[in-house]
């Protein structure tokens, strides 16, 4: 594994000249070279030495920036890093063009194996939730706990508002959409995304909106932007159709790590009704429901999500100590609404 501080300059035939990716105060970015992929990793120095490591995985169309607010809230609890999945944020496309859930999960596992930080507290949102579920199921040695915010797990009845995102997986649709929206400004695109992903877009500060517009302007200049979106959407749809041991719900059953599930009552992409199914499926789970939140609760209510995570690790530590001392061990699933 090779690691260099950003700014990272990719080959000229891969990227045009675009504005540098935004780095919040106190954060840093580095580019990590691994076999077949190059990942950009966002980190925030922990408040003190010796804190347990954490890794954050974003959703479809997102980036490591989606976790900045939660990383700040948890800087005194974990040594946090957030990864840009291949083709997203500031990470270039994978060499093999594999944007499947397995491909993204493989990228996360490669990074954790190479950096030697595992086991980590693993966080995932949306697509990243499906990726985190797969990682925790197949490599339990890499995971301490799992926190899933609106995880993209298969639904029998998909919400109507989620259909357009799924349609990106259909060959030719992305090209049509690109041509149809070519005159849209970055502000229009960002308002559309926020209306879809936030329970209340009004919670976004003017500064947050400006930053999002700046990032959108940067991303749409990337020649692989729509390809990464399309192939990742296709990979997610394909994962929904897998059966047997590779089925996402089957893999959720295999997750042994204590799991925090976070669902928003105004989520337009992941059905709120799936919260109870998830709580029943993950073996050692607790459920946080936020009636006013949308698809990105960690951005809308970072303090609340951080508090629930602190409870998770505190209870997990007590249960582990109890087990080592001859106690009853890990507790069963518990659900808490908010």
Protein backbone atom coordinates (compact mmCIF):
# COMPACT_ATOMS: atom_id res chain seq x y z
CA UNK A 1 0.00 0.00 0.00
CA UNK A 2 1.30 3.45 -0.85
CA UNK A 3 -0.01 6.64 0.72
CA UNK A 4 0.54 10.25 -0.28
CA UNK A 5 -0.93 13.50 0.93
CA UNK A 6 -3.32 15.27 -1.44
CA UNK A 7 -3.41 17.10 -3.75
CA UNK A 8 -3.26 13.88 -5.74
CA UNK A 9 -2.53 14.27 -9.45
CA UNK A 10 -3.94 11.38 -11.54
CA UNK A 11 -2.77 10.54 -15.06
CA UNK A 12 -3.68 13.21 -17.60
CA UNK A 13 -5.76 10.77 -19.64
CA UNK A 14 -7.98 9.98 -16.65
CA UNK A 15 -9.10 13.34 -15.31
CA UNK A 16 -9.48 16.83 -16.71
CA UNK A 17 -8.39 19.79 -14.65
CA UNK A 18 -11.04 20.31 -12.01
CA UNK A 19 -11.24 22.22 -8.76
CA UNK A 20 -9.67 20.51 -5.73
CA UNK A 21 -11.96 18.51 -3.47
CA UNK A 22 -13.18 20.35 -0.39
CA UNK A 23 -11.51 19.62 2.96
CA UNK A 24 -13.23 20.81 6.13
CA UNK A 25 -11.23 22.40 8.91
CA UNK A 26 -9.43 19.74 10.92
CA UNK A 27 -9.70 17.10 8.18
CA UNK A 28 -7.08 15.80 5.80
CA UNK A 29 -7.13 13.71 2.63
CA UNK A 30 -4.68 11.19 1.39
CA UNK A 31 -4.51 8.98 -1.69
CA UNK A 32 -3.93 5.29 -1.08
CA UNK A 33 -2.71 3.04 -3.89
CA UNK A 34 -3.85 -0.58 -3.74
CA UNK A 35 -3.80 -3.36 -6.36
CA UNK A 36 -6.31 -2.34 -9.05
CA UNK A 37 -7.69 0.69 -7.20
CA UNK A 38 -6.70 4.05 -5.78
CA UNK A 39 -8.76 5.29 -2.86
CA UNK A 40 -9.02 8.74 -1.36
CA UNK A 41 -9.33 8.57 2.42
CA UNK A 42 -10.62 11.44 4.56
CA UNK A 43 -9.54 11.47 8.18
CA UNK A 44 -9.88 13.58 11.27
CA UNK A 45 -7.23 13.42 14.00
CA UNK A 46 -8.73 11.78 17.09
CA UNK A 47 -9.09 13.84 20.25
CA UNK A 48 -6.56 11.58 21.96
CA UNK A 49 -4.31 8.65 21.21
CA UNK A 50 -5.46 5.08 21.54
CA UNK A 51 -9.06 5.46 20.38
CA UNK A 52 -10.52 2.49 18.44
CA UNK A 53 -10.53 2.85 14.64
CA UNK A 54 -13.66 3.52 12.58
CA UNK A 55 -14.33 3.49 8.84
CA UNK A 56 -17.23 5.30 7.15
CA UNK A 57 -18.64 4.21 3.75
CA UNK A 58 -20.91 6.57 1.76
CA UNK A 59 -23.88 5.87 -0.48
CA UNK A 60 -24.65 6.07 -4.21
CA UNK A 61 -23.60 9.43 -5.61
CA UNK A 62 -22.09 10.46 -2.27
CA UNK A 63 -18.57 10.79 -0.97
CA UNK A 64 -16.57 10.79 2.22
CA UNK A 65 -17.81 14.35 2.81
CA UNK A 66 -21.19 12.90 3.78
CA UNK A 67 -19.63 11.78 7.06
CA UNK A 68 -17.86 15.00 8.08
CA UNK A 69 -20.52 16.08 10.57
CA UNK A 70 -20.64 12.69 12.30
CA UNK A 71 -16.85 12.35 12.27
CA UNK A 72 -16.65 15.66 14.14
CA UNK A 73 -19.21 14.48 16.69
CA UNK A 74 -17.28 11.26 17.32
CA UNK A 75 -13.71 12.56 17.28
CA UNK A 76 -13.42 11.85 21.02
CA UNK A 77 -14.84 8.32 20.67
CA UNK A 78 -13.13 6.81 17.60
CA UNK A 79 -10.17 7.35 15.31
CA UNK A 80 -12.26 7.94 12.20
CA UNK A 81 -11.58 7.60 8.50
CA UNK A 82 -14.03 7.91 5.61
CA UNK A 83 -13.33 6.37 2.23
CA UNK A 84 -14.32 7.55 -1.23
CA UNK A 85 -15.44 4.39 -3.02
CA UNK A 86 -13.87 3.80 -6.46
CA UNK A 87 -15.29 6.29 -8.99
CA UNK A 88 -16.76 8.57 -6.30
CA UNK A 89 -15.55 11.63 -4.44
CA UNK A 90 -11.88 11.99 -5.33
CA UNK A 91 -11.21 8.29 -6.02
CA UNK A 92 -10.64 7.40 -9.69
CA UNK A 93 -12.48 4.46 -11.29
CA UNK A 94 -11.32 0.91 -10.50
CA UNK A 95 -9.01 -0.63 -13.09
CA UNK A 96 -11.43 -3.49 -13.76
CA UNK A 97 -14.56 -1.31 -13.96
CA UNK A 98 -16.25 -3.40 -11.25
CA UNK A 99 -18.86 -1.27 -9.48
CA UNK A 100 -20.83 -4.17 -8.01
CA UNK A 101 -21.59 -4.41 -4.29
CA UNK A 102 -18.97 -7.15 -4.15
CA UNK A 103 -16.49 -4.91 -5.97
CA UNK A 104 -17.04 -2.03 -3.55
CA UNK A 105 -16.88 -4.42 -0.58
CA UNK A 106 -13.64 -5.85 -1.94
CA UNK A 107 -12.20 -2.33 -2.11
CA UNK A 108 -13.09 -1.73 1.55
CA UNK A 109 -11.61 -5.06 2.62
CA UNK A 110 -8.43 -4.45 0.62
CA UNK A 111 -7.99 -1.15 2.34
CA UNK A 112 -8.57 -2.55 5.83
CA UNK A 113 -6.21 -5.45 5.18
CA UNK A 114 -3.52 -3.13 3.82
CA UNK A 115 -3.73 -0.44 6.48
CA UNK A 116 -3.90 -2.92 9.37
CA UNK A 117 -6.49 -0.84 11.27
CA UNK A 118 -9.02 -3.61 11.68
CA UNK A 119 -11.16 -4.55 13.40
CA UNK A 120 -13.00 -1.25 12.98
CA UNK A 121 -16.31 0.28 13.90
CA UNK A 122 -17.84 0.13 10.42
CA UNK A 123 -20.41 2.69 9.27
CA UNK A 124 -22.43 2.59 6.03
CA UNK A 125 -25.17 4.69 4.48
CA UNK A 126 -27.49 3.51 1.68
CA UNK A 127 -25.29 1.72 -0.89
CA UNK A 128 -22.54 1.90 1.72
CA UNK A 129 -24.88 0.10 4.11
CA UNK A 130 -25.15 -2.82 1.69
CA UNK A 131 -21.36 -2.77 1.27
CA UNK A 132 -20.81 -2.72 5.05
CA UNK A 133 -23.26 -5.60 5.50
CA UNK A 134 -21.33 -7.72 3.01
CA UNK A 135 -17.98 -6.86 4.59
CA UNK A 136 -19.23 -7.70 8.10
CA UNK A 137 -20.73 -10.99 6.89
CA UNK A 138 -17.72 -12.33 5.00
CA UNK A 139 -14.90 -10.78 7.07
CA UNK A 140 -16.06 -10.61 10.70
CA UNK A 141 -12.42 -10.31 11.74
CA UNK A 142 -12.36 -6.78 10.28
CA UNK A 143 -15.40 -5.46 12.17
CA UNK A 144 -16.07 -4.49 15.79
CA UNK A 145 -19.52 -2.98 15.39
CA UNK A 146 -21.71 -2.02 12.45
CA UNK A 147 -23.77 1.18 12.14
CA UNK A 148 -26.12 1.25 9.16
CA UNK A 149 -27.97 4.43 8.19
CA UNK A 150 -30.82 3.66 5.77
CA UNK A 151 -29.02 0.59 4.37
CA UNK A 152 -29.92 -0.31 0.78
CA UNK A 153 -31.20 -3.82 1.39
CA UNK A 154 -33.72 -5.48 -0.97
CA UNK A 155 -37.36 -4.43 -0.70
CA UNK A 156 -40.29 -6.33 -2.23
CA UNK A 157 -42.24 -3.12 -2.80
CA UNK A 158 -39.85 -0.33 -3.73
CA UNK A 159 -41.03 3.20 -2.96
CA UNK A 160 -42.23 5.16 -5.97
CA UNK A 161 -39.78 7.97 -5.17
CA UNK A 162 -36.89 5.49 -5.39
CA UNK A 163 -37.77 4.27 -8.88
CA UNK A 164 -35.85 6.96 -10.82
CA UNK A 165 -32.63 6.04 -9.02
CA UNK A 166 -33.15 2.38 -9.85
CA UNK A 167 -33.79 3.28 -13.48
CA UNK A 168 -30.19 4.49 -13.76
CA UNK A 169 -29.31 0.81 -13.92
CA UNK A 170 -31.23 0.38 -17.18
CA UNK A 171 -28.93 0.59 -20.22
CA UNK A 172 -29.28 3.93 -22.00
CA UNK A 173 -31.25 5.71 -19.27
CA UNK A 174 -28.23 7.51 -17.84
CA UNK A 175 -27.36 8.85 -21.29
CA UNK A 176 -30.90 10.09 -21.83
CA UNK A 177 -30.97 11.70 -18.40
CA UNK A 178 -27.62 13.37 -19.03
CA UNK A 179 -28.87 14.90 -22.27
CA UNK A 180 -32.18 15.90 -20.70
CA UNK A 181 -30.47 17.67 -17.79
CA UNK A 182 -27.45 19.12 -19.60
CA UNK A 183 -28.79 22.67 -19.15
CA UNK A 184 -29.40 22.22 -15.42
CA UNK A 185 -27.23 24.35 -13.16
CA UNK A 186 -25.32 22.87 -10.24
CA UNK A 187 -27.76 24.66 -7.92
CA UNK A 188 -30.72 22.91 -9.59
CA UNK A 189 -29.03 19.53 -9.31
CA UNK A 190 -28.18 20.03 -5.64
CA UNK A 191 -31.71 21.18 -4.78
CA UNK A 192 -33.07 18.06 -6.46
CA UNK A 193 -30.71 15.79 -4.54
CA UNK A 194 -31.48 17.48 -1.23
CA UNK A 195 -35.23 17.30 -1.82
CA UNK A 196 -34.84 13.56 -2.36
CA UNK A 197 -32.39 12.78 0.44
CA UNK A 198 -33.30 15.13 3.29
CA UNK A 199 -36.38 14.91 5.47
CA UNK A 200 -36.26 18.71 5.65
CA UNK A 201 -33.92 20.40 3.15
CA UNK A 202 -34.37 23.58 5.16
CA UNK A 203 -32.00 22.13 7.76
CA UNK A 204 -29.11 22.63 5.35
CA UNK A 205 -27.21 25.80 6.18
CA UNK A 206 -26.39 28.35 3.47
CA UNK A 207 -22.73 27.40 3.81
CA UNK A 208 -23.59 23.72 3.48
CA UNK A 209 -25.60 24.42 0.34
CA UNK A 210 -22.76 26.45 -1.21
CA UNK A 211 -20.30 23.66 -0.45
CA UNK A 212 -22.61 21.11 -2.03
CA UNK A 213 -22.96 23.23 -5.17
CA UNK A 214 -19.20 23.61 -5.38
CA UNK A 215 -18.75 19.85 -5.09
CA UNK A 216 -21.45 19.20 -7.71
CA UNK A 217 -19.75 21.58 -10.13
CA UNK A 218 -16.51 19.69 -9.61
CA UNK A 219 -17.99 16.22 -10.02
CA UNK A 220 -19.98 16.81 -13.20
CA UNK A 221 -16.72 17.69 -14.93
CA UNK A 222 -15.35 14.21 -14.27
CA UNK A 223 -15.61 12.09 -17.45
CA UNK A 224 -16.59 8.97 -15.49
CA UNK A 225 -19.19 10.61 -13.22
CA UNK A 226 -22.29 9.11 -14.88
CA UNK A 227 -20.56 5.82 -15.62
CA UNK A 228 -19.76 5.33 -11.93
CA UNK A 229 -23.32 6.25 -10.98
CA UNK A 230 -24.88 3.97 -13.59
CA UNK A 231 -22.68 0.96 -12.94
CA UNK A 232 -23.04 1.27 -9.16
CA UNK A 233 -26.85 1.53 -9.47
CA UNK A 234 -26.78 -1.53 -11.72
CA UNK A 235 -24.59 -3.34 -9.20
CA UNK A 236 -27.06 -2.56 -6.43
CA UNK A 237 -30.04 -3.76 -8.48
CA UNK A 238 -28.14 -6.93 -9.40
CA UNK A 239 -27.35 -7.55 -5.72
CA UNK A 240 -31.07 -7.35 -4.96
CA UNK A 241 -31.67 -10.30 -7.29
CA UNK A 242 -28.96 -12.59 -5.92
CA UNK A 243 -30.12 -15.67 -4.05
CA UNK A 244 -28.45 -18.20 -1.80
CA UNK A 245 -25.57 -17.27 0.48
CA UNK A 246 -24.84 -14.12 -1.53
CA UNK A 247 -28.30 -12.63 -0.92
CA UNK A 248 -27.99 -9.44 1.12
CA UNK A 249 -30.63 -10.41 3.68
CA UNK A 250 -28.96 -13.81 4.06
CA UNK A 251 -25.68 -12.05 4.68
CA UNK A 252 -27.36 -9.73 7.17
CA UNK A 253 -28.31 -12.83 9.16
CA UNK A 254 -24.63 -13.77 9.29
CA UNK A 255 -23.42 -10.48 10.78
CA UNK A 256 -22.18 -11.23 14.28
CA UNK A 257 -21.05 -7.74 15.29
CA UNK A 258 -23.30 -5.56 17.44
CA UNK A 259 -25.33 -3.49 14.99
CA UNK A 260 -26.98 -0.08 15.18
CA UNK A 261 -29.73 0.47 12.60
CA UNK A 262 -30.85 4.04 11.83
CA UNK A 263 -33.98 4.71 9.75
CA UNK A 264 -35.67 7.99 8.85
CA UNK A 265 -39.44 8.36 8.77
CA UNK A 266 -39.24 10.66 5.72
CA UNK A 267 -36.80 8.53 3.75
CA UNK A 268 -37.82 8.55 0.08
CA UNK A 269 -35.26 5.97 -1.04
CA UNK A 270 -35.33 3.25 1.64
CA UNK A 271 -38.71 2.28 3.02
CA UNK A 272 -39.22 3.10 6.70
CA UNK A 273 -41.22 -0.12 6.93
CA UNK A 274 -37.95 -2.05 6.44
CA UNK A 275 -36.69 -0.95 9.86
CA UNK A 276 -38.44 -3.72 11.78
CA UNK A 277 -37.39 -6.37 9.26
CA UNK A 278 -33.78 -5.27 9.63
CA UNK A 279 -34.03 -5.29 13.42
CA UNK A 280 -35.29 -8.88 13.29
CA UNK A 281 -32.66 -9.99 10.80
CA UNK A 282 -29.41 -8.67 12.28
CA UNK A 283 -28.60 -10.92 15.21
CA UNK A 284 -27.46 -8.38 17.78
CA UNK A 285 -29.20 -5.18 16.77
CA UNK A 286 -30.71 -2.03 18.13
CA UNK A 287 -32.93 0.34 16.19
CA UNK A 288 -32.98 4.12 16.16
CA UNK A 289 -35.93 5.61 14.31
CA UNK A 290 -35.98 9.31 13.49
CA UNK A 291 -39.47 10.30 12.25
CA UNK A 292 -38.35 13.64 10.76
CA UNK A 293 -35.17 12.38 9.10
CA UNK A 294 -34.72 11.43 5.47
CA UNK A 295 -32.13 9.22 3.80
CA UNK A 296 -29.02 10.77 5.36
CA UNK A 297 -29.74 10.95 9.09
CA UNK A 298 -26.03 11.21 9.90
CA UNK A 299 -26.02 14.57 8.05
CA UNK A 300 -29.37 15.82 9.36
CA UNK A 301 -29.11 14.64 12.97
CA UNK A 302 -25.41 13.90 13.63
CA UNK A 303 -25.70 14.50 17.38
CA UNK A 304 -28.51 11.98 17.76
CA UNK A 305 -26.79 9.34 15.64
CA UNK A 306 -23.54 9.92 17.54
CA UNK A 307 -25.33 9.47 20.85
CA UNK A 308 -26.85 6.17 19.74
CA UNK A 309 -23.44 4.96 18.58
CA UNK A 310 -21.88 5.88 21.92
CA UNK A 311 -24.56 3.79 23.65
CA UNK A 312 -23.81 0.92 21.28
CA UNK A 313 -20.10 0.80 22.02
CA UNK A 314 -20.63 1.37 25.75
CA UNK A 315 -23.08 -1.53 25.98
CA UNK A 316 -20.90 -3.72 23.76
CA UNK A 317 -17.89 -3.08 26.00
CA UNK A 318 -19.87 -3.97 29.12
CA UNK A 319 -21.20 -7.14 27.52
CA UNK A 320 -17.70 -8.17 26.40
CA UNK A 321 -16.34 -7.62 29.89
CA UNK A 322 -19.24 -9.61 31.31
CA UNK A 323 -18.57 -12.48 28.91
CA UNK A 324 -14.86 -12.56 29.76
CA UNK A 325 -15.79 -12.64 33.43
CA UNK A 326 -18.21 -15.51 33.01
CA UNK A 327 -21.35 -13.41 32.51
CA UNK A 328 -24.19 -13.95 30.08
CA UNK A 329 -22.39 -12.40 27.11
CA UNK A 330 -23.90 -10.25 24.39
CA UNK A 331 -27.46 -9.20 24.83
CA UNK A 332 -30.16 -9.99 22.33
CA UNK A 333 -31.67 -7.52 19.88
CA UNK A 334 -33.02 -4.36 21.38
CA UNK A 335 -34.98 -1.69 19.56
CA UNK A 336 -35.25 1.92 20.63
CA UNK A 337 -37.28 4.58 18.89
CA UNK A 338 -36.64 8.30 18.95
